[in-house]
Amino acid sequence: MNPTPNPSTTCGGVWHAKHLRRTGRPEETLRITEENARVTRDDAELVNQCHRMLGDLYADKGNRYPARSHYDDAVRVAHNITRE
């Protein structure tokens, strides 16, 4: 088994998570995306993408409430980006 690369503070970590999701590895995607969200706190665009991905992942699993919470966070962050 190949080790999963560490998430990064660049969009590479988000792209890696998107790849994992597309290749049917939701648990790895969730782990990587949560870590990306934690380490990219200072980059609003990446935080926005992480919340959107987390919303998608929870929605895929049928977990409406955490999905909605992440989508709401993504929208809030996006609004702040456009105001800057």
PDB file of N, CA and C in Angstrom:
ATOM      1  N   MET A   1       0.833  -1.183   0.000  1.00  0.00           N
ATOM      2  CA  MET A   1       0.000   0.000   0.000  1.00  0.00           C
ATOM      3  C   MET A   1       0.873   1.240   0.000  1.00  0.00           C
ATOM      4  N   ASN A   2       0.581   2.182  -0.885  1.00  0.00           N
ATOM      5  CA  ASN A   2       1.342   3.424  -0.968  1.00  0.00           C
ATOM      6  C   ASN A   2       0.896   4.377   0.131  1.00  0.00           C
ATOM      7  N   PRO A   3       1.859   4.999   0.811  1.00  0.00           N
ATOM      8  CA  PRO A   3       1.458   5.974   1.832  1.00  0.00           C
ATOM      9  C   PRO A   3       0.824   7.193   1.177  1.00  0.00           C
ATOM     10  N   THR A   4      -0.148   7.762   1.859  1.00  0.00           N
ATOM     11  CA  THR A   4      -0.811   8.966   1.372  1.00  0.00           C
ATOM     12  C   THR A   4       0.064  10.162   1.691  1.00  0.00           C
ATOM     13  N   PRO A   5       0.321  11.039   0.704  1.00  0.00           N
ATOM     14  CA  PRO A   5       1.138  12.221   0.984  1.00  0.00           C
ATOM     15  C   PRO A   5       0.487  13.102   2.043  1.00  0.00           C
ATOM     16  N   ASN A   6       1.344  13.808   2.773  1.00  0.00           N
ATOM     17  CA  ASN A   6       0.833  14.743   3.768  1.00  0.00           C
ATOM     18  C   ASN A   6       0.108  15.881   3.059  1.00  0.00           C
ATOM     19  N   PRO A   7      -0.968  16.361   3.655  1.00  0.00           N
ATOM     20  CA  PRO A   7      -1.636  17.513   3.057  1.00  0.00           C
ATOM     21  C   PRO A   7      -0.720  18.717   3.117  1.00  0.00           C
ATOM     22  N   SER A   8      -0.940  19.633   2.219  1.00  0.00           N
ATOM     23  CA  SER A   8      -0.091  20.822   2.196  1.00  0.00           C
ATOM     24  C   SER A   8      -0.937  22.073   2.325  1.00  0.00           C
ATOM     25  N   THR A   9      -0.252  23.179   2.476  1.00  0.00           N
ATOM     26  CA  THR A   9      -0.959  24.444   2.604  1.00  0.00           C
ATOM     27  C   THR A   9      -1.166  25.091   1.243  1.00  0.00           C
ATOM     28  N   THR A  10      -0.930  24.349   0.180  1.00  0.00           N
ATOM     29  CA  THR A  10      -1.177  24.858  -1.166  1.00  0.00           C
ATOM     30  C   THR A  10      -2.387  24.145  -1.740  1.00  0.00           C
ATOM     31  N   CYS A  11      -2.773  24.572  -2.921  1.00  0.00           N
ATOM     32  CA  CYS A  11      -3.928  23.936  -3.551  1.00  0.00           C
ATOM     33  C   CYS A  11      -3.644  22.483  -3.897  1.00  0.00           C
ATOM     34  N   GLY A  12      -2.383  22.047  -3.846  1.00  0.00           N
ATOM     35  CA  GLY A  12      -2.059  20.652  -4.111  1.00  0.00           C
ATOM     36  C   GLY A  12      -2.772  19.704  -3.167  1.00  0.00           C
ATOM     37  N   GLY A  13      -2.925  20.084  -1.916  1.00  0.00           N
ATOM     38  CA  GLY A  13      -3.640  19.251  -0.956  1.00  0.00           C
ATOM     39  C   GLY A  13      -5.110  19.115  -1.308  1.00  0.00           C
ATOM     40  N   VAL A  14      -5.708  20.202  -1.801  1.00  0.00           N
ATOM     41  CA  VAL A  14      -7.112  20.179  -2.216  1.00  0.00           C
ATOM     42  C   VAL A  14      -7.255  19.330  -3.469  1.00  0.00           C
ATOM     43  N   TRP A  15      -6.339  19.489  -4.423  1.00  0.00           N
ATOM     44  CA  TRP A  15      -6.383  18.673  -5.645  1.00  0.00           C
ATOM     45  C   TRP A  15      -6.237  17.201  -5.314  1.00  0.00           C
ATOM     46  N   HIS A  16      -5.360  16.885  -4.368  1.00  0.00           N
ATOM     47  CA  HIS A  16      -5.170  15.491  -3.958  1.00  0.00           C
ATOM     48  C   HIS A  16      -6.470  14.933  -3.377  1.00  0.00           C
ATOM     49  N   ALA A  17      -7.139  15.717  -2.557  1.00  0.00           N
ATOM     50  CA  ALA A  17      -8.413  15.277  -1.981  1.00  0.00           C
ATOM     51  C   ALA A  17      -9.463  15.059  -3.070  1.00  0.00           C
ATOM     52  N   LYS A  18      -9.505  15.948  -4.056  1.00  0.00           N
ATOM     53  CA  LYS A  18     -10.454  15.776  -5.161  1.00  0.00           C
ATOM     54  C   LYS A  18     -10.171  14.486  -5.913  1.00  0.00           C
ATOM     55  N   HIS A  19      -8.899  14.192  -6.129  1.00  0.00           N
ATOM     56  CA  HIS A  19      -8.520  12.943  -6.795  1.00  0.00           C
ATOM     57  C   HIS A  19      -8.977  11.730  -5.985  1.00  0.00           C
ATOM     58  N   LEU A  20      -8.732  11.765  -4.689  1.00  0.00           N
ATOM     59  CA  LEU A  20      -9.144  10.653  -3.827  1.00  0.00           C
ATOM     60  C   LEU A  20     -10.651  10.443  -3.892  1.00  0.00           C
ATOM     61  N   ARG A  21     -11.400  11.529  -3.876  1.00  0.00           N
ATOM     62  CA  ARG A  21     -12.864  11.415  -3.941  1.00  0.00           C
ATOM     63  C   ARG A  21     -13.299  10.801  -5.266  1.00  0.00           C
ATOM     64  N   ARG A  22     -12.710  11.258  -6.356  1.00  0.00           N
ATOM     65  CA  ARG A  22     -13.078  10.741  -7.680  1.00  0.00           C
ATOM     66  C   ARG A  22     -12.712   9.270  -7.858  1.00  0.00           C
ATOM     67  N   THR A  23     -11.715   8.822  -7.118  1.00  0.00           N
ATOM     68  CA  THR A  23     -11.292   7.427  -7.253  1.00  0.00           C
ATOM     69  C   THR A  23     -11.908   6.532  -6.179  1.00  0.00           C
ATOM     70  N   GLY A  24     -12.941   7.036  -5.517  1.00  0.00           N
ATOM     71  CA  GLY A  24     -13.714   6.208  -4.605  1.00  0.00           C
ATOM     72  C   GLY A  24     -13.070   5.925  -3.268  1.00  0.00           C
ATOM     73  N   ARG A  25     -12.336   6.889  -2.731  1.00  0.00           N
ATOM     74  CA  ARG A  25     -11.704   6.705  -1.422  1.00  0.00           C
ATOM     75  C   ARG A  25     -12.189   7.791  -0.454  1.00  0.00           C
ATOM     76  N   PRO A  26     -13.464   7.700  -0.061  1.00  0.00           N
ATOM     77  CA  PRO A  26     -14.053   8.777   0.745  1.00  0.00           C
ATOM     78  C   PRO A  26     -13.419   8.944   2.123  1.00  0.00           C
ATOM     79  N   GLU A  27     -13.019   7.868   2.762  1.00  0.00           N
ATOM     80  CA  GLU A  27     -12.442   8.009   4.113  1.00  0.00           C
ATOM     81  C   GLU A  27     -11.096   8.724   4.061  1.00  0.00           C
ATOM     82  N   GLU A  28     -10.268   8.378   3.069  1.00  0.00           N
ATOM     83  CA  GLU A  28      -8.999   9.088   2.902  1.00  0.00           C
ATOM     84  C   GLU A  28      -9.254  10.552   2.557  1.00  0.00           C
ATOM     85  N   THR A  29     -10.246  10.783   1.700  1.00  0.00           N
ATOM     86  CA  THR A  29     -10.583  12.146   1.305  1.00  0.00           C
ATOM     87  C   THR A  29     -10.996  12.965   2.522  1.00  0.00           C
ATOM     88  N   LEU A  30     -11.814  12.381   3.373  1.00  0.00           N
ATOM     89  CA  LEU A  30     -12.265  13.069   4.573  1.00  0.00           C
ATOM     90  C   LEU A  30     -11.078  13.415   5.471  1.00  0.00           C
ATOM     91  N   ARG A  31     -10.196  12.458   5.675  1.00  0.00           N
ATOM     92  CA  ARG A  31      -9.030  12.683   6.543  1.00  0.00           C
ATOM     93  C   ARG A  31      -8.139  13.789   5.984  1.00  0.00           C
ATOM     94  N   ILE A  32      -7.833  13.716   4.699  1.00  0.00           N
ATOM     95  CA  ILE A  32      -6.968  14.709   4.061  1.00  0.00           C
ATOM     96  C   ILE A  32      -7.628  16.097   4.083  1.00  0.00           C
ATOM     97  N   THR A  33      -8.916  16.144   3.793  1.00  0.00           N
ATOM     98  CA  THR A  33      -9.606  17.435   3.723  1.00  0.00           C
ATOM     99  C   THR A  33      -9.719  18.077   5.098  1.00  0.00           C
ATOM    100  N   GLU A  34      -9.987  17.292   6.126  1.00  0.00           N
ATOM    101  CA  GLU A  34     -10.027  17.848   7.482  1.00  0.00           C
ATOM    102  C   GLU A  34      -8.667  18.405   7.865  1.00  0.00           C
ATOM    103  N   GLU A  35      -7.599  17.690   7.521  1.00  0.00           N
ATOM    104  CA  GLU A  35      -6.248  18.167   7.819  1.00  0.00           C
ATOM    105  C   GLU A  35      -5.940  19.428   7.008  1.00  0.00           C
ATOM    106  N   ASN A  36      -6.314  19.425   5.731  1.00  0.00           N
ATOM    107  CA  ASN A  36      -6.104  20.621   4.906  1.00  0.00           C
ATOM    108  C   ASN A  36      -6.809  21.829   5.508  1.00  0.00           C
ATOM    109  N   ALA A  37      -8.050  21.647   5.949  1.00  0.00           N
ATOM    110  CA  ALA A  37      -8.809  22.750   6.543  1.00  0.00           C
ATOM    111  C   ALA A  37      -8.102  23.277   7.790  1.00  0.00           C
ATOM    112  N   ARG A  38      -7.506  22.373   8.538  1.00  0.00           N
ATOM    113  CA  ARG A  38      -6.812  22.779   9.766  1.00  0.00           C
ATOM    114  C   ARG A  38      -5.545  23.571   9.454  1.00  0.00           C
ATOM    115  N   VAL A  39      -4.769  23.128   8.479  1.00  0.00           N
ATOM    116  CA  VAL A  39      -3.477  23.770   8.223  1.00  0.00           C
ATOM    117  C   VAL A  39      -3.564  24.963   7.286  1.00  0.00           C
ATOM    118  N   THR A  40      -4.699  25.167   6.623  1.00  0.00           N
ATOM    119  CA  THR A  40      -4.822  26.286   5.681  1.00  0.00           C
ATOM    120  C   THR A  40      -5.682  27.413   6.231  1.00  0.00           C
ATOM    121  N   ARG A  41      -5.803  27.506   7.520  1.00  0.00           N
ATOM    122  CA  ARG A  41      -6.676  28.513   8.140  1.00  0.00           C
ATOM    123  C   ARG A  41      -6.447  29.930   7.643  1.00  0.00           C
ATOM    124  N   ASP A  42      -5.224  30.252   7.237  1.00  0.00           N
ATOM    125  CA  ASP A  42      -4.907  31.620   6.830  1.00  0.00           C
ATOM    126  C   ASP A  42      -5.175  31.895   5.351  1.00  0.00           C
ATOM    127  N   ASP A  43      -5.598  30.890   4.604  1.00  0.00           N
ATOM    128  CA  ASP A  43      -5.878  31.066   3.180  1.00  0.00           C
ATOM    129  C   ASP A  43      -7.366  30.834   2.947  1.00  0.00           C
ATOM    130  N   ALA A  44      -8.113  31.925   2.865  1.00  0.00           N
ATOM    131  CA  ALA A  44      -9.571  31.836   2.807  1.00  0.00           C
ATOM    132  C   ALA A  44     -10.068  31.013   1.617  1.00  0.00           C
ATOM    133  N   GLU A  45      -9.411  31.138   0.469  1.00  0.00           N
ATOM    134  CA  GLU A  45      -9.872  30.386  -0.695  1.00  0.00           C
ATOM    135  C   GLU A  45      -9.726  28.886  -0.485  1.00  0.00           C
ATOM    136  N   LEU A  46      -8.622  28.466   0.129  1.00  0.00           N
ATOM    137  CA  LEU A  46      -8.435  27.037   0.403  1.00  0.00           C
ATOM    138  C   LEU A  46      -9.384  26.552   1.485  1.00  0.00           C
ATOM    139  N   VAL A  47      -9.612  27.369   2.496  1.00  0.00           N
ATOM    140  CA  VAL A  47     -10.567  27.007   3.548  1.00  0.00           C
ATOM    141  C   VAL A  47     -11.954  26.826   2.931  1.00  0.00           C
ATOM    142  N   ASN A  48     -12.321  27.730   2.023  1.00  0.00           N
ATOM    143  CA  ASN A  48     -13.600  27.635   1.336  1.00  0.00           C
ATOM    144  C   ASN A  48     -13.709  26.312   0.583  1.00  0.00           C
ATOM    145  N   GLN A  49     -12.673  25.954  -0.167  1.00  0.00           N
ATOM    146  CA  GLN A  49     -12.694  24.705  -0.922  1.00  0.00           C
ATOM    147  C   GLN A  49     -12.771  23.491  -0.004  1.00  0.00           C
ATOM    148  N   CYS A  50     -12.088  23.558   1.126  1.00  0.00           N
ATOM    149  CA  CYS A  50     -12.142  22.444   2.086  1.00  0.00           C
ATOM    150  C   CYS A  50     -13.553  22.274   2.643  1.00  0.00           C
ATOM    151  N   HIS A  51     -14.196  23.370   3.008  1.00  0.00           N
ATOM    152  CA  HIS A  51     -15.554  23.268   3.550  1.00  0.00           C
ATOM    153  C   HIS A  51     -16.530  22.737   2.496  1.00  0.00           C
ATOM    154  N   ARG A  52     -16.351  23.168   1.248  1.00  0.00           N
ATOM    155  CA  ARG A  52     -17.222  22.664   0.188  1.00  0.00           C
ATOM    156  C   ARG A  52     -17.025  21.160  -0.001  1.00  0.00           C
ATOM    157  N   MET A  53     -15.757  20.733   0.017  1.00  0.00           N
ATOM    158  CA  MET A  53     -15.460  19.298  -0.128  1.00  0.00           C
ATOM    159  C   MET A  53     -16.030  18.518   1.049  1.00  0.00           C
ATOM    160  N   LEU A  54     -15.872  19.036   2.261  1.00  0.00           N
ATOM    161  CA  LEU A  54     -16.426  18.354   3.427  1.00  0.00           C
ATOM    162  C   LEU A  54     -17.943  18.264   3.336  1.00  0.00           C
ATOM    163  N   GLY A  55     -18.575  19.336   2.860  1.00  0.00           N
ATOM    164  CA  GLY A  55     -20.023  19.295   2.651  1.00  0.00           C
ATOM    165  C   GLY A  55     -20.401  18.208   1.660  1.00  0.00           C
ATOM    166  N   ASP A  56     -19.659  18.117   0.563  1.00  0.00           N
ATOM    167  CA  ASP A  56     -19.923  17.078  -0.435  1.00  0.00           C
ATOM    168  C   ASP A  56     -19.758  15.682   0.152  1.00  0.00           C
ATOM    169  N   LEU A  57     -18.698  15.495   0.924  1.00  0.00           N
ATOM    170  CA  LEU A  57     -18.435  14.170   1.507  1.00  0.00           C
ATOM    171  C   LEU A  57     -19.543  13.745   2.466  1.00  0.00           C
ATOM    172  N   TYR A  58     -19.959  14.665   3.332  1.00  0.00           N
ATOM    173  CA  TYR A  58     -21.031  14.329   4.265  1.00  0.00           C
ATOM    174  C   TYR A  58     -22.353  14.121   3.531  1.00  0.00           C
ATOM    175  N   ALA A  59     -22.603  14.914   2.494  1.00  0.00           N
ATOM    176  CA  ALA A  59     -23.826  14.733   1.702  1.00  0.00           C
ATOM    177  C   ALA A  59     -23.814  13.366   1.010  1.00  0.00           C
ATOM    178  N   ASP A  60     -22.656  12.961   0.494  1.00  0.00           N
ATOM    179  CA  ASP A  60     -22.535  11.644  -0.142  1.00  0.00           C
ATOM    180  C   ASP A  60     -22.909  10.519   0.819  1.00  0.00           C
ATOM    181  N   LYS A  61     -22.580  10.713   2.103  1.00  0.00           N
ATOM    182  CA  LYS A  61     -22.877   9.697   3.118  1.00  0.00           C
ATOM    183  C   LYS A  61     -24.295   9.823   3.669  1.00  0.00           C
ATOM    184  N   GLY A  62     -25.037  10.844   3.212  1.00  0.00           N
ATOM    185  CA  GLY A  62     -26.403  11.041   3.684  1.00  0.00           C
ATOM    186  C   GLY A  62     -26.495  11.791   4.997  1.00  0.00           C
ATOM    187  N   ASN A  63     -25.407  12.403   5.425  1.00  0.00           N
ATOM    188  CA  ASN A  63     -25.387  13.168   6.679  1.00  0.00           C
ATOM    189  C   ASN A  63     -25.694  14.632   6.375  1.00  0.00           C
ATOM    190  N   ARG A  64     -26.978  14.952   6.343  1.00  0.00           N
ATOM    191  CA  ARG A  64     -27.427  16.274   5.912  1.00  0.00           C
ATOM    192  C   ARG A  64     -26.946  17.409   6.795  1.00  0.00           C
ATOM    193  N   TYR A  65     -26.996  17.230   8.103  1.00  0.00           N
ATOM    194  CA  TYR A  65     -26.712  18.351   9.000  1.00  0.00           C
ATOM    195  C   TYR A  65     -25.244  18.769   8.976  1.00  0.00           C
ATOM    196  N   PRO A  66     -24.298  17.832   9.080  1.00  0.00           N
ATOM    197  CA  PRO A  66     -22.906  18.292   8.958  1.00  0.00           C
ATOM    198  C   PRO A  66     -22.606  18.815   7.547  1.00  0.00           C
ATOM    199  N   ALA A  67     -23.248  18.231   6.533  1.00  0.00           N
ATOM    200  CA  ALA A  67     -23.054  18.723   5.169  1.00  0.00           C
ATOM    201  C   ALA A  67     -23.507  20.172   5.078  1.00  0.00           C
ATOM    202  N   ARG A  68     -24.686  20.443   5.578  1.00  0.00           N
ATOM    203  CA  ARG A  68     -25.229  21.815   5.526  1.00  0.00           C
ATOM    204  C   ARG A  68     -24.345  22.789   6.293  1.00  0.00           C
ATOM    205  N   SER A  69     -23.830  22.362   7.421  1.00  0.00           N
ATOM    206  CA  SER A  69     -22.962  23.218   8.218  1.00  0.00           C
ATOM    207  C   SER A  69     -21.703  23.589   7.427  1.00  0.00           C
ATOM    208  N   HIS A  70     -21.108  22.620   6.744  1.00  0.00           N
ATOM    209  CA  HIS A  70     -19.903  22.908   5.952  1.00  0.00           C
ATOM    210  C   HIS A  70     -20.233  23.776   4.742  1.00  0.00           C
ATOM    211  N   TYR A  71     -21.373  23.532   4.091  1.00  0.00           N
ATOM    212  CA  TYR A  71     -21.777  24.393   2.975  1.00  0.00           C
ATOM    213  C   TYR A  71     -22.003  25.825   3.465  1.00  0.00           C
ATOM    214  N   ASP A  72     -22.636  25.976   4.622  1.00  0.00           N
ATOM    215  CA  ASP A  72     -22.843  27.314   5.196  1.00  0.00           C
ATOM    216  C   ASP A  72     -21.509  27.999   5.479  1.00  0.00           C
ATOM    217  N   ASP A  73     -20.551  27.227   6.026  1.00  0.00           N
ATOM    218  CA  ASP A  73     -19.223  27.785   6.286  1.00  0.00           C
ATOM    219  C   ASP A  73     -18.543  28.201   4.984  1.00  0.00           C
ATOM    220  N   ALA A  74     -18.682  27.387   3.940  1.00  0.00           N
ATOM    221  CA  ALA A  74     -18.081  27.714   2.646  1.00  0.00           C
ATOM    222  C   ALA A  74     -18.668  29.015   2.100  1.00  0.00           C
ATOM    223  N   VAL A  75     -19.967  29.181   2.217  1.00  0.00           N
ATOM    224  CA  VAL A  75     -20.616  30.406   1.741  1.00  0.00           C
ATOM    225  C   VAL A  75     -20.145  31.604   2.562  1.00  0.00           C
ATOM    226  N   ARG A  76     -20.067  31.440   3.886  1.00  0.00           N
ATOM    227  CA  ARG A  76     -19.606  32.532   4.748  1.00  0.00           C
ATOM    228  C   ARG A  76     -18.188  32.956   4.366  1.00  0.00           C
ATOM    229  N   VAL A  77     -17.312  31.996   4.167  1.00  0.00           N
ATOM    230  CA  VAL A  77     -15.932  32.304   3.794  1.00  0.00           C
ATOM    231  C   VAL A  77     -15.894  32.984   2.429  1.00  0.00           C
ATOM    232  N   ALA A  78     -16.698  32.493   1.486  1.00  0.00           N
ATOM    233  CA  ALA A  78     -16.739  33.086   0.143  1.00  0.00           C
ATOM    234  C   ALA A  78     -17.193  34.541   0.200  1.00  0.00           C
ATOM    235  N   HIS A  79     -18.181  34.823   1.019  1.00  0.00           N
ATOM    236  CA  HIS A  79     -18.646  36.210   1.162  1.00  0.00           C
ATOM    237  C   HIS A  79     -17.535  37.086   1.707  1.00  0.00           C
ATOM    238  N   ASN A  80     -16.770  36.563   2.648  1.00  0.00           N
ATOM    239  CA  ASN A  80     -15.658  37.342   3.205  1.00  0.00           C
ATOM    240  C   ASN A  80     -14.561  37.563   2.176  1.00  0.00           C
ATOM    241  N   ILE A  81     -14.335  36.595   1.287  1.00  0.00           N
ATOM    242  CA  ILE A  81     -13.322  36.744   0.239  1.00  0.00           C
ATOM    243  C   ILE A  81     -13.709  37.890  -0.687  1.00  0.00           C
ATOM    244  N   THR A  82     -14.969  37.935  -1.062  1.00  0.00           N
ATOM    245  CA  THR A  82     -15.407  38.962  -2.017  1.00  0.00           C
ATOM    246  C   THR A  82     -15.442  40.353  -1.397  1.00  0.00           C
ATOM    247  N   ARG A  83     -15.471  40.433  -0.093  1.00  0.00           N
ATOM    248  CA  ARG A  83     -15.485  41.745   0.592  1.00  0.00           C
ATOM    249  C   ARG A  83     -14.075  42.296   0.780  1.00  0.00           C
ATOM    250  N   GLU A  84     -13.080  41.459   0.654  1.00  0.00           N
ATOM    251  CA  GLU A  84     -11.705  41.912   0.914  1.00  0.00           C
ATOM    252  C   GLU A  84     -11.153  42.704  -0.230  1.00  0.00           C
TER     253      GLU A  84
END
